[in-house]
């Protein structure tokens, strides 16, 4: 059903600061900067291998023009998902505002790409998974001309998954000045990072590894790549294939062990996305380049294998995202 990670959606307070981090600290070009005409979310697109990081900053009502009521989805007005005292704030924007107020910045959702969105929607519906969007009543538009739907994260191991289908150019963004969609890449390739080959895996803390793995395997139809038990605690872990990357599940009760950086970076928000590990074309060159650009590097002195990141960035300096780095 799922072909790869389409994107990681990032909840960000200030898009300009986030763009500065990705371009001037991580050294990755931002290839699309636009406003979602449906919700008013301010976006920035950064390519990592098969997928993207999507910066998403909610507009501030009364301050940003994107929050005005003329930003509405192109569908039946009786079904508009508008909230707020005057009904002029789109639900997607309100969700990001509330997320930032409660949890702060970080990975908000994982976008997964499917070849047939309605077929995926029908399959999950038949499996009894509660879905936030009724595609039988019309598809829901997203950025870059995509269509999408969200299952209830209570039934997808505590992580908000955005199922999406799109065939247009990756550079398709909304033209704020003239209105309408504009292909910033003119159908060409997205700019590649000189340092990174893609996302190696997304680390996720869950209440139960076996249950989360079962949802991926039996409900969503993903392939389990590997299973094992943590050193010391004996708690299970698993890796589930998603394109050329993995989802790695660990028990939220897992003890990473004395001296492991991930023990320091355990999120206060509890279960959900914990870390994002990038594959480096040259691990040593990437580390030295990050160091030269002032990145707050934390070495992993207790590394156990090649899939364990060699070093991390302190999330206090990377918009609360725990970035880890391994060799390609």
C-alpha atoms as a PDB file:
ATOM      1  CA  UNK A   1       0.000   0.000   0.000  1.00  0.00           C
ATOM      2  CA  UNK A   2       2.721   2.502   1.051  1.00  0.00           C
ATOM      3  CA  UNK A   3       5.590   3.141  -1.372  1.00  0.00           C
ATOM      4  CA  UNK A   4       7.765   5.515   0.689  1.00  0.00           C
ATOM      5  CA  UNK A   5       7.905   8.422   3.086  1.00  0.00           C
ATOM      6  CA  UNK A   6       6.484  11.412   1.240  1.00  0.00           C
ATOM      7  CA  UNK A   7       7.463  13.919   3.926  1.00  0.00           C
ATOM      8  CA  UNK A   8       7.907  14.665   7.597  1.00  0.00           C
ATOM      9  CA  UNK A   9       5.661  17.568   8.589  1.00  0.00           C
ATOM     10  CA  UNK A  10       7.383  19.915  11.036  1.00  0.00           C
ATOM     11  CA  UNK A  11       5.481  22.217  13.384  1.00  0.00           C
ATOM     12  CA  UNK A  12       7.572  25.405  13.483  1.00  0.00           C
ATOM     13  CA  UNK A  13       7.141  28.775  15.208  1.00  0.00           C
ATOM     14  CA  UNK A  14       9.154  30.790  12.671  1.00  0.00           C
ATOM     15  CA  UNK A  15       9.627  29.591   9.100  1.00  0.00           C
ATOM     16  CA  UNK A  16      12.508  32.005   8.474  1.00  0.00           C
ATOM     17  CA  UNK A  17      14.536  30.601  11.378  1.00  0.00           C
ATOM     18  CA  UNK A  18      13.804  27.036  10.304  1.00  0.00           C
ATOM     19  CA  UNK A  19      14.901  27.759   6.735  1.00  0.00           C
ATOM     20  CA  UNK A  20      18.092  29.310   8.090  1.00  0.00           C
ATOM     21  CA  UNK A  21      18.768  26.130  10.095  1.00  0.00           C
ATOM     22  CA  UNK A  22      18.245  23.747   7.164  1.00  0.00           C
ATOM     23  CA  UNK A  23      20.238  25.848   4.703  1.00  0.00           C
ATOM     24  CA  UNK A  24      23.035  27.244   6.854  1.00  0.00           C
ATOM     25  CA  UNK A  25      23.487  24.547   9.522  1.00  0.00           C
ATOM     26  CA  UNK A  26      22.446  21.271   7.871  1.00  0.00           C
ATOM     27  CA  UNK A  27      23.558  22.581   4.473  1.00  0.00           C
ATOM     28  CA  UNK A  28      20.434  21.470   2.609  1.00  0.00           C
ATOM     29  CA  UNK A  29      18.714  23.713   0.032  1.00  0.00           C
ATOM     30  CA  UNK A  30      15.097  24.751   0.548  1.00  0.00           C
ATOM     31  CA  UNK A  31      13.556  24.314  -2.910  1.00  0.00           C
ATOM     32  CA  UNK A  32      10.023  25.576  -2.324  1.00  0.00           C
ATOM     33  CA  UNK A  33       8.662  28.392  -0.134  1.00  0.00           C
ATOM     34  CA  UNK A  34       4.917  28.958  -0.304  1.00  0.00           C
ATOM     35  CA  UNK A  35       1.645  29.369   1.531  1.00  0.00           C
ATOM     36  CA  UNK A  36      -0.996  26.635   1.522  1.00  0.00           C
ATOM     37  CA  UNK A  37      -4.027  28.352  -0.054  1.00  0.00           C
ATOM     38  CA  UNK A  38      -6.395  26.072   1.847  1.00  0.00           C
ATOM     39  CA  UNK A  39      -5.204  26.553   5.421  1.00  0.00           C
ATOM     40  CA  UNK A  40      -2.783  29.474   5.304  1.00  0.00           C
ATOM     41  CA  UNK A  41       0.087  27.352   6.664  1.00  0.00           C
ATOM     42  CA  UNK A  42       3.467  28.791   5.645  1.00  0.00           C
ATOM     43  CA  UNK A  43       5.528  26.000   4.097  1.00  0.00           C
ATOM     44  CA  UNK A  44       9.120  25.322   3.132  1.00  0.00           C
ATOM     45  CA  UNK A  45      10.220  22.157   1.268  1.00  0.00           C
ATOM     46  CA  UNK A  46      13.561  20.365   1.724  1.00  0.00           C
ATOM     47  CA  UNK A  47      14.438  17.131  -0.115  1.00  0.00           C
ATOM     48  CA  UNK A  48      16.096  14.146   1.609  1.00  0.00           C
ATOM     49  CA  UNK A  49      16.347  11.126  -0.698  1.00  0.00           C
ATOM     50  CA  UNK A  50      12.827   9.933  -1.548  1.00  0.00           C
ATOM     51  CA  UNK A  51      11.068  12.243   0.907  1.00  0.00           C
ATOM     52  CA  UNK A  52      10.915  15.803   2.122  1.00  0.00           C
ATOM     53  CA  UNK A  53      10.919  17.765   5.306  1.00  0.00           C
ATOM     54  CA  UNK A  54       8.016  20.213   5.148  1.00  0.00           C
ATOM     55  CA  UNK A  55       8.327  23.272   7.368  1.00  0.00           C
ATOM     56  CA  UNK A  56       4.830  24.278   8.487  1.00  0.00           C
ATOM     57  CA  UNK A  57       4.257  27.520  10.375  1.00  0.00           C
ATOM     58  CA  UNK A  58       0.662  28.436  11.231  1.00  0.00           C
ATOM     59  CA  UNK A  59      -0.371  32.022  10.478  1.00  0.00           C
ATOM     60  CA  UNK A  60      -1.180  34.407  13.306  1.00  0.00           C
ATOM     61  CA  UNK A  61      -4.774  35.650  13.078  1.00  0.00           C
ATOM     62  CA  UNK A  62      -4.920  39.426  12.761  1.00  0.00           C
ATOM     63  CA  UNK A  63      -1.225  39.599  11.845  1.00  0.00           C
ATOM     64  CA  UNK A  64      -0.723  37.430   8.758  1.00  0.00           C
ATOM     65  CA  UNK A  65      -2.906  37.861   5.687  1.00  0.00           C
ATOM     66  CA  UNK A  66      -3.012  34.086   5.270  1.00  0.00           C
ATOM     67  CA  UNK A  67      -5.391  33.880   8.238  1.00  0.00           C
ATOM     68  CA  UNK A  68      -8.112  35.892   6.508  1.00  0.00           C
ATOM     69  CA  UNK A  69     -11.381  34.114   5.646  1.00  0.00           C
ATOM     70  CA  UNK A  70     -10.772  34.119   1.875  1.00  0.00           C
ATOM     71  CA  UNK A  71      -8.342  31.213   2.384  1.00  0.00           C
ATOM     72  CA  UNK A  72     -10.824  28.339   2.176  1.00  0.00           C
ATOM     73  CA  UNK A  73     -10.769  24.875   0.548  1.00  0.00           C
ATOM     74  CA  UNK A  74     -12.220  24.614  -2.975  1.00  0.00           C
ATOM     75  CA  UNK A  75     -15.235  22.494  -2.028  1.00  0.00           C
ATOM     76  CA  UNK A  76     -18.813  22.697  -0.716  1.00  0.00           C
ATOM     77  CA  UNK A  77     -18.975  25.721   1.666  1.00  0.00           C
ATOM     78  CA  UNK A  78     -21.331  23.792   3.949  1.00  0.00           C
ATOM     79  CA  UNK A  79     -18.481  21.349   4.681  1.00  0.00           C
ATOM     80  CA  UNK A  80     -15.691  23.870   5.312  1.00  0.00           C
ATOM     81  CA  UNK A  81     -13.614  22.943   8.333  1.00  0.00           C
ATOM     82  CA  UNK A  82     -13.457  26.442   9.803  1.00  0.00           C
ATOM     83  CA  UNK A  83     -12.997  27.154  13.505  1.00  0.00           C
ATOM     84  CA  UNK A  84     -12.360  30.168  15.718  1.00  0.00           C
ATOM     85  CA  UNK A  85     -14.599  32.846  17.159  1.00  0.00           C
ATOM     86  CA  UNK A  86     -15.391  34.313  13.741  1.00  0.00           C
ATOM     87  CA  UNK A  87     -14.993  31.098  11.775  1.00  0.00           C
ATOM     88  CA  UNK A  88     -12.021  32.510   9.864  1.00  0.00           C
ATOM     89  CA  UNK A  89      -9.329  30.051  10.948  1.00  0.00           C
ATOM     90  CA  UNK A  90      -8.958  26.789   9.076  1.00  0.00           C
ATOM     91  CA  UNK A  91      -8.955  23.637  11.211  1.00  0.00           C
ATOM     92  CA  UNK A  92      -5.522  22.543   9.930  1.00  0.00           C
ATOM     93  CA  UNK A  93      -4.071  25.867  11.065  1.00  0.00           C
ATOM     94  CA  UNK A  94      -5.786  25.618  14.450  1.00  0.00           C
ATOM     95  CA  UNK A  95      -4.365  22.103  14.925  1.00  0.00           C
ATOM     96  CA  UNK A  96      -0.799  23.377  14.400  1.00  0.00           C
ATOM     97  CA  UNK A  97      -1.348  26.325  16.729  1.00  0.00           C
ATOM     98  CA  UNK A  98      -2.623  24.029  19.466  1.00  0.00           C
ATOM     99  CA  UNK A  99       0.185  21.537  18.883  1.00  0.00           C
ATOM    100  CA  UNK A 100       2.827  24.237  19.245  1.00  0.00           C
ATOM    101  CA  UNK A 101       1.163  25.611  22.368  1.00  0.00           C
ATOM    102  CA  UNK A 102       1.061  22.175  24.008  1.00  0.00           C
ATOM    103  CA  UNK A 103       4.198  20.426  22.771  1.00  0.00           C
ATOM    104  CA  UNK A 104       6.404  23.021  21.134  1.00  0.00           C
ATOM    105  CA  UNK A 105       8.261  22.506  17.868  1.00  0.00           C
ATOM    106  CA  UNK A 106       9.059  19.108  16.372  1.00  0.00           C
ATOM    107  CA  UNK A 107       7.838  16.428  13.977  1.00  0.00           C
ATOM    108  CA  UNK A 108       4.061  16.837  13.777  1.00  0.00           C
ATOM    109  CA  UNK A 109       3.211  14.023  11.342  1.00  0.00           C
ATOM    110  CA  UNK A 110       4.647  11.499   8.896  1.00  0.00           C
ATOM    111  CA  UNK A 111       3.374  11.770   5.320  1.00  0.00           C
ATOM    112  CA  UNK A 112       3.293   8.423   3.509  1.00  0.00           C
ATOM    113  CA  UNK A 113       2.859   8.095  -0.246  1.00  0.00           C
ATOM    114  CA  UNK A 114       0.440   5.597  -1.781  1.00  0.00           C
ATOM    115  CA  UNK A 115      -0.216   4.876  -5.486  1.00  0.00           C
ATOM    116  CA  UNK A 116      -4.016   4.823  -5.072  1.00  0.00           C
ATOM    117  CA  UNK A 117      -5.360   7.042  -2.303  1.00  0.00           C
ATOM    118  CA  UNK A 118      -8.987   5.925  -2.454  1.00  0.00           C
ATOM    119  CA  UNK A 119      -7.946   2.258  -2.452  1.00  0.00           C
ATOM    120  CA  UNK A 120      -5.847   2.877   0.667  1.00  0.00           C
ATOM    121  CA  UNK A 121      -8.753   4.759   2.274  1.00  0.00           C
ATOM    122  CA  UNK A 122     -11.175   1.922   1.512  1.00  0.00           C
ATOM    123  CA  UNK A 123      -8.761  -0.706   2.864  1.00  0.00           C
ATOM    124  CA  UNK A 124      -8.225   1.073   6.183  1.00  0.00           C
ATOM    125  CA  UNK A 125     -11.955   1.773   6.483  1.00  0.00           C
ATOM    126  CA  UNK A 126     -12.672  -1.936   5.933  1.00  0.00           C
ATOM    127  CA  UNK A 127     -10.117  -2.751   8.644  1.00  0.00           C
ATOM    128  CA  UNK A 128     -12.140  -0.644  11.070  1.00  0.00           C
ATOM    129  CA  UNK A 129      -9.571   2.157  11.419  1.00  0.00           C
ATOM    130  CA  UNK A 130     -11.291   5.489  12.278  1.00  0.00           C
ATOM    131  CA  UNK A 131     -10.527   8.056   9.552  1.00  0.00           C
ATOM    132  CA  UNK A 132     -10.702  11.831   9.868  1.00  0.00           C
ATOM    133  CA  UNK A 133     -11.561  12.333   6.192  1.00  0.00           C
ATOM    134  CA  UNK A 134     -14.442  10.903   4.163  1.00  0.00           C
ATOM    135  CA  UNK A 135     -13.096  10.475   0.639  1.00  0.00           C
ATOM    136  CA  UNK A 136     -16.473   9.136  -0.452  1.00  0.00           C
ATOM    137  CA  UNK A 137     -17.704  12.715  -0.132  1.00  0.00           C
ATOM    138  CA  UNK A 138     -14.854  14.237  -2.144  1.00  0.00           C
ATOM    139  CA  UNK A 139     -11.094  14.268  -1.963  1.00  0.00           C
ATOM    140  CA  UNK A 140      -9.259  16.585   0.399  1.00  0.00           C
ATOM    141  CA  UNK A 141      -6.735  18.925  -1.270  1.00  0.00           C
ATOM    142  CA  UNK A 142      -3.198  19.396   0.015  1.00  0.00           C
ATOM    143  CA  UNK A 143      -0.071  21.268  -1.024  1.00  0.00           C
ATOM    144  CA  UNK A 144       1.601  20.512  -4.363  1.00  0.00           C
ATOM    145  CA  UNK A 145      -1.703  19.467  -5.898  1.00  0.00           C
ATOM    146  CA  UNK A 146      -1.896  16.379  -3.680  1.00  0.00           C
ATOM    147  CA  UNK A 147      -4.894  14.581  -2.197  1.00  0.00           C
ATOM    148  CA  UNK A 148      -4.780  13.183   1.329  1.00  0.00           C
ATOM    149  CA  UNK A 149      -6.472  11.701   4.379  1.00  0.00           C
ATOM    150  CA  UNK A 150      -5.598  11.110   8.037  1.00  0.00           C
ATOM    151  CA  UNK A 151      -6.373   8.052  10.190  1.00  0.00           C
ATOM    152  CA  UNK A 152      -6.976   8.640  13.902  1.00  0.00           C
ATOM    153  CA  UNK A 153      -3.472   8.463  15.499  1.00  0.00           C
ATOM    154  CA  UNK A 154      -4.929   6.525  18.446  1.00  0.00           C
ATOM    155  CA  UNK A 155      -5.132   3.607  16.010  1.00  0.00           C
ATOM    156  CA  UNK A 156      -1.739   4.166  14.310  1.00  0.00           C
ATOM    157  CA  UNK A 157       0.650   3.682  17.259  1.00  0.00           C
ATOM    158  CA  UNK A 158       0.269   7.270  18.490  1.00  0.00           C
ATOM    159  CA  UNK A 159       1.714   8.839  15.338  1.00  0.00           C
ATOM    160  CA  UNK A 160      -0.315  11.046  12.992  1.00  0.00           C
ATOM    161  CA  UNK A 161       0.033   9.531   9.508  1.00  0.00           C
ATOM    162  CA  UNK A 162      -0.926  11.539   6.439  1.00  0.00           C
ATOM    163  CA  UNK A 163      -1.704   9.289   3.486  1.00  0.00           C
ATOM    164  CA  UNK A 164      -1.106  11.202   0.273  1.00  0.00           C
ATOM    165  CA  UNK A 165      -1.124  10.726  -3.471  1.00  0.00           C
ATOM    166  CA  UNK A 166       0.336  13.135  -5.976  1.00  0.00           C
ATOM    167  CA  UNK A 167       1.729  12.902  -9.485  1.00  0.00           C
ATOM    168  CA  UNK A 168       2.625  16.525 -10.118  1.00  0.00           C
ATOM    169  CA  UNK A 169       6.105  18.012 -10.034  1.00  0.00           C
ATOM    170  CA  UNK A 170       7.683  18.230  -6.573  1.00  0.00           C
ATOM    171  CA  UNK A 171       8.101  21.955  -7.179  1.00  0.00           C
ATOM    172  CA  UNK A 172       4.395  22.707  -7.460  1.00  0.00           C
ATOM    173  CA  UNK A 173       3.623  25.501  -4.961  1.00  0.00           C
ATOM    174  CA  UNK A 174       0.950  28.146  -4.592  1.00  0.00           C
ATOM    175  CA  UNK A 175       1.699  31.509  -6.189  1.00  0.00           C
ATOM    176  CA  UNK A 176       0.866  34.032  -3.451  1.00  0.00           C
ATOM    177  CA  UNK A 177       1.010  37.091  -5.723  1.00  0.00           C
ATOM    178  CA  UNK A 178      -1.015  35.941  -8.712  1.00  0.00           C
ATOM    179  CA  UNK A 179      -2.947  32.993  -7.307  1.00  0.00           C
ATOM    180  CA  UNK A 180      -2.878  29.523  -8.822  1.00  0.00           C
ATOM    181  CA  UNK A 181      -0.271  26.778  -8.789  1.00  0.00           C
ATOM    182  CA  UNK A 182       3.269  27.494  -9.939  1.00  0.00           C
ATOM    183  CA  UNK A 183       5.946  24.884 -10.727  1.00  0.00           C
ATOM    184  CA  UNK A 184       9.096  26.366  -9.191  1.00  0.00           C
ATOM    185  CA  UNK A 185      11.214  23.552 -10.658  1.00  0.00           C
ATOM    186  CA  UNK A 186       9.672  23.776 -14.125  1.00  0.00           C
ATOM    187  CA  UNK A 187       9.293  20.005 -14.097  1.00  0.00           C
ATOM    188  CA  UNK A 188      12.973  19.486 -13.259  1.00  0.00           C
ATOM    189  CA  UNK A 189      14.702  17.591 -10.481  1.00  0.00           C
ATOM    190  CA  UNK A 190      14.689  18.808  -6.891  1.00  0.00           C
ATOM    191  CA  UNK A 191      18.050  20.122  -5.644  1.00  0.00           C
ATOM    192  CA  UNK A 192      19.993  17.388  -3.870  1.00  0.00           C
ATOM    193  CA  UNK A 193      21.865  17.816  -0.611  1.00  0.00           C
ATOM    194  CA  UNK A 194      25.649  17.477  -0.985  1.00  0.00           C
ATOM    195  CA  UNK A 195      25.828  15.691   2.374  1.00  0.00           C
ATOM    196  CA  UNK A 196      22.808  13.404   2.763  1.00  0.00           C
ATOM    197  CA  UNK A 197      21.573  10.379   0.839  1.00  0.00           C
ATOM    198  CA  UNK A 198      18.163  10.321   2.501  1.00  0.00           C
ATOM    199  CA  UNK A 199      16.327   9.353   5.676  1.00  0.00           C
ATOM    200  CA  UNK A 200      17.683   6.126   7.171  1.00  0.00           C
ATOM    201  CA  UNK A 201      14.971   5.671   9.775  1.00  0.00           C
ATOM    202  CA  UNK A 202      12.480   7.453  11.991  1.00  0.00           C
ATOM    203  CA  UNK A 203      12.659   6.358  15.629  1.00  0.00           C
ATOM    204  CA  UNK A 204       9.265   6.042  17.311  1.00  0.00           C
ATOM    205  CA  UNK A 205       8.491   5.391  20.991  1.00  0.00           C
ATOM    206  CA  UNK A 206       5.336   3.346  21.547  1.00  0.00           C
ATOM    207  CA  UNK A 207       3.429   1.719  24.407  1.00  0.00           C
ATOM    208  CA  UNK A 208       3.905  -1.698  22.829  1.00  0.00           C
ATOM    209  CA  UNK A 209       6.301  -2.626  20.007  1.00  0.00           C
ATOM    210  CA  UNK A 210       4.431  -5.809  19.083  1.00  0.00           C
ATOM    211  CA  UNK A 211       1.125  -3.956  18.801  1.00  0.00           C
ATOM    212  CA  UNK A 212       2.605  -1.122  16.713  1.00  0.00           C
ATOM    213  CA  UNK A 213       4.391  -3.603  14.446  1.00  0.00           C
ATOM    214  CA  UNK A 214       1.157  -5.546  14.053  1.00  0.00           C
ATOM    215  CA  UNK A 215      -0.700  -2.431  12.885  1.00  0.00           C
ATOM    216  CA  UNK A 216       1.972  -1.799  10.255  1.00  0.00           C
ATOM    217  CA  UNK A 217       2.075  -5.410   9.086  1.00  0.00           C
ATOM    218  CA  UNK A 218      -1.529  -6.605   9.335  1.00  0.00           C
ATOM    219  CA  UNK A 219      -3.550  -3.405   8.910  1.00  0.00           C
ATOM    220  CA  UNK A 220      -1.431  -1.159   6.682  1.00  0.00           C
ATOM    221  CA  UNK A 221       0.371  -3.961   4.824  1.00  0.00           C
ATOM    222  CA  UNK A 222       3.980  -2.901   5.494  1.00  0.00           C
ATOM    223  CA  UNK A 223       6.939  -5.290   5.608  1.00  0.00           C
ATOM    224  CA  UNK A 224       8.728  -6.019   8.888  1.00  0.00           C
ATOM    225  CA  UNK A 225      12.434  -5.845   8.130  1.00  0.00           C
ATOM    226  CA  UNK A 226      13.910  -6.823  11.479  1.00  0.00           C
ATOM    227  CA  UNK A 227      13.046  -7.632  15.108  1.00  0.00           C
ATOM    228  CA  UNK A 228      15.172  -7.867  18.215  1.00  0.00           C
ATOM    229  CA  UNK A 229      15.511  -7.204  21.935  1.00  0.00           C
ATOM    230  CA  UNK A 230      17.263  -4.286  23.600  1.00  0.00           C
ATOM    231  CA  UNK A 231      20.502  -4.959  25.437  1.00  0.00           C
ATOM    232  CA  UNK A 232      19.996  -4.980  29.180  1.00  0.00           C
ATOM    233  CA  UNK A 233      16.225  -4.444  29.382  1.00  0.00           C
ATOM    234  CA  UNK A 234      15.288  -7.216  26.964  1.00  0.00           C
ATOM    235  CA  UNK A 235      12.403  -5.063  25.659  1.00  0.00           C
ATOM    236  CA  UNK A 236      11.503  -5.699  22.013  1.00  0.00           C
ATOM    237  CA  UNK A 237      12.254  -3.410  19.091  1.00  0.00           C
ATOM    238  CA  UNK A 238      11.390  -3.666  15.398  1.00  0.00           C
ATOM    239  CA  UNK A 239      12.131  -2.061  12.052  1.00  0.00           C
ATOM    240  CA  UNK A 240       9.396  -1.734   9.445  1.00  0.00           C
ATOM    241  CA  UNK A 241      10.266  -0.996   5.823  1.00  0.00           C
ATOM    242  CA  UNK A 242       8.900   2.183   4.254  1.00  0.00           C
ATOM    243  CA  UNK A 243      10.480   2.767   0.830  1.00  0.00           C
ATOM    244  CA  UNK A 244      14.243   3.071   1.254  1.00  0.00           C
ATOM    245  CA  UNK A 245      13.832   4.019   4.934  1.00  0.00           C
ATOM    246  CA  UNK A 246      12.523   2.350   8.101  1.00  0.00           C
ATOM    247  CA  UNK A 247      10.268   3.076  11.023  1.00  0.00           C
ATOM    248  CA  UNK A 248      12.064   1.855  14.152  1.00  0.00           C
ATOM    249  CA  UNK A 249       9.806   1.088  17.109  1.00  0.00           C
ATOM    250  CA  UNK A 250      11.044   1.055  20.702  1.00  0.00           C
ATOM    251  CA  UNK A 251       9.096   0.694  23.937  1.00  0.00           C
ATOM    252  CA  UNK A 252       8.547   4.021  25.673  1.00  0.00           C
ATOM    253  CA  UNK A 253       9.784   2.287  28.848  1.00  0.00           C
ATOM    254  CA  UNK A 254      13.071   1.373  27.182  1.00  0.00           C
ATOM    255  CA  UNK A 255      16.226   2.437  29.001  1.00  0.00           C
ATOM    256  CA  UNK A 256      18.700   3.628  26.367  1.00  0.00           C
ATOM    257  CA  UNK A 257      21.516   3.012  28.813  1.00  0.00           C
ATOM    258  CA  UNK A 258      23.917   5.194  30.719  1.00  0.00           C
ATOM    259  CA  UNK A 259      25.729   7.656  28.496  1.00  0.00           C
ATOM    260  CA  UNK A 260      23.512   7.187  25.423  1.00  0.00           C
ATOM    261  CA  UNK A 261      22.513  10.584  23.954  1.00  0.00           C
ATOM    262  CA  UNK A 262      18.984   9.375  23.224  1.00  0.00           C
ATOM    263  CA  UNK A 263      18.449   8.965  26.970  1.00  0.00           C
ATOM    264  CA  UNK A 264      19.070  12.710  27.302  1.00  0.00           C
ATOM    265  CA  UNK A 265      16.821  13.520  24.380  1.00  0.00           C
ATOM    266  CA  UNK A 266      13.783  11.462  25.419  1.00  0.00           C
ATOM    267  CA  UNK A 267      10.858  13.768  24.606  1.00  0.00           C
ATOM    268  CA  UNK A 268       8.681  15.059  27.416  1.00  0.00           C
ATOM    269  CA  UNK A 269       5.675  14.594  25.119  1.00  0.00           C
ATOM    270  CA  UNK A 270       5.814  10.814  25.589  1.00  0.00           C
ATOM    271  CA  UNK A 271       5.186   8.366  22.783  1.00  0.00           C
ATOM    272  CA  UNK A 272       5.545   9.332  19.137  1.00  0.00           C
ATOM    273  CA  UNK A 273       8.421  10.348  16.870  1.00  0.00           C
ATOM    274  CA  UNK A 274      11.608  10.462  18.911  1.00  0.00           C
ATOM    275  CA  UNK A 275      14.476  10.863  16.431  1.00  0.00           C
ATOM    276  CA  UNK A 276      15.143  11.179  12.697  1.00  0.00           C
ATOM    277  CA  UNK A 277      18.317   9.526  11.412  1.00  0.00           C
ATOM    278  CA  UNK A 278      19.898  10.740   8.150  1.00  0.00           C
ATOM    279  CA  UNK A 279      22.204   8.734   5.871  1.00  0.00           C
ATOM    280  CA  UNK A 280      25.419  10.630   5.160  1.00  0.00           C
ATOM    281  CA  UNK A 281      27.261  10.283   1.861  1.00  0.00           C
ATOM    282  CA  UNK A 282      30.480  10.722   3.853  1.00  0.00           C
ATOM    283  CA  UNK A 283      29.983  10.505   7.609  1.00  0.00           C
ATOM    284  CA  UNK A 284      33.292  12.159   8.571  1.00  0.00           C
ATOM    285  CA  UNK A 285      32.927  14.957   6.001  1.00  0.00           C
ATOM    286  CA  UNK A 286      29.354  15.630   7.153  1.00  0.00           C
ATOM    287  CA  UNK A 287      30.413  15.799  10.799  1.00  0.00           C
ATOM    288  CA  UNK A 288      33.252  18.224  10.072  1.00  0.00           C
ATOM    289  CA  UNK A 289      31.032  20.370   7.849  1.00  0.00           C
ATOM    290  CA  UNK A 290      28.327  20.566  10.525  1.00  0.00           C
ATOM    291  CA  UNK A 291      30.949  21.437  13.120  1.00  0.00           C
ATOM    292  CA  UNK A 292      32.312  24.251  10.945  1.00  0.00           C
ATOM    293  CA  UNK A 293      28.807  25.694  10.589  1.00  0.00           C
ATOM    294  CA  UNK A 294      28.365  25.785  14.357  1.00  0.00           C
ATOM    295  CA  UNK A 295      26.122  22.733  14.816  1.00  0.00           C
ATOM    296  CA  UNK A 296      25.753  21.449  18.397  1.00  0.00           C
ATOM    297  CA  UNK A 297      27.140  17.930  17.869  1.00  0.00           C
ATOM    298  CA  UNK A 298      26.691  15.237  20.521  1.00  0.00           C
ATOM    299  CA  UNK A 299      28.864  12.158  19.894  1.00  0.00           C
ATOM    300  CA  UNK A 300      27.436   8.708  20.563  1.00  0.00           C
ATOM    301  CA  UNK A 301      30.258   7.110  22.550  1.00  0.00           C
ATOM    302  CA  UNK A 302      28.160   4.021  23.306  1.00  0.00           C
ATOM    303  CA  UNK A 303      27.359   3.166  19.687  1.00  0.00           C
ATOM    304  CA  UNK A 304      26.573  -0.553  19.335  1.00  0.00           C
ATOM    305  CA  UNK A 305      26.320  -1.109  15.561  1.00  0.00           C
ATOM    306  CA  UNK A 306      26.410   0.652  12.196  1.00  0.00           C
ATOM    307  CA  UNK A 307      22.681   1.440  12.307  1.00  0.00           C
ATOM    308  CA  UNK A 308      23.141   3.240  15.629  1.00  0.00           C
ATOM    309  CA  UNK A 309      23.853   6.924  14.860  1.00  0.00           C
ATOM    310  CA  UNK A 310      27.501   7.962  15.190  1.00  0.00           C
ATOM    311  CA  UNK A 311      26.444  11.365  16.494  1.00  0.00           C
ATOM    312  CA  UNK A 312      23.404  13.571  17.037  1.00  0.00           C
ATOM    313  CA  UNK A 313      22.471  17.234  17.033  1.00  0.00           C
ATOM    314  CA  UNK A 314      21.268  18.678  20.309  1.00  0.00           C
ATOM    315  CA  UNK A 315      17.519  19.215  19.688  1.00  0.00           C
ATOM    316  CA  UNK A 316      17.677  22.468  21.663  1.00  0.00           C
ATOM    317  CA  UNK A 317      19.427  23.904  18.589  1.00  0.00           C
ATOM    318  CA  UNK A 318      17.470  22.077  15.847  1.00  0.00           C
ATOM    319  CA  UNK A 319      13.830  23.052  16.459  1.00  0.00           C
ATOM    320  CA  UNK A 320      13.342  20.173  18.946  1.00  0.00           C
ATOM    321  CA  UNK A 321      14.107  17.558  16.267  1.00  0.00           C
ATOM    322  CA  UNK A 322      16.594  14.865  17.360  1.00  0.00           C
ATOM    323  CA  UNK A 323      18.741  14.393  14.241  1.00  0.00           C
ATOM    324  CA  UNK A 324      21.039  11.363  14.162  1.00  0.00           C
ATOM    325  CA  UNK A 325      23.621  10.521  11.489  1.00  0.00           C
ATOM    326  CA  UNK A 326      24.815   7.232  10.005  1.00  0.00           C
ATOM    327  CA  UNK A 327      26.928   6.289   6.985  1.00  0.00           C
ATOM    328  CA  UNK A 328      25.107   5.509   3.736  1.00  0.00           C
END
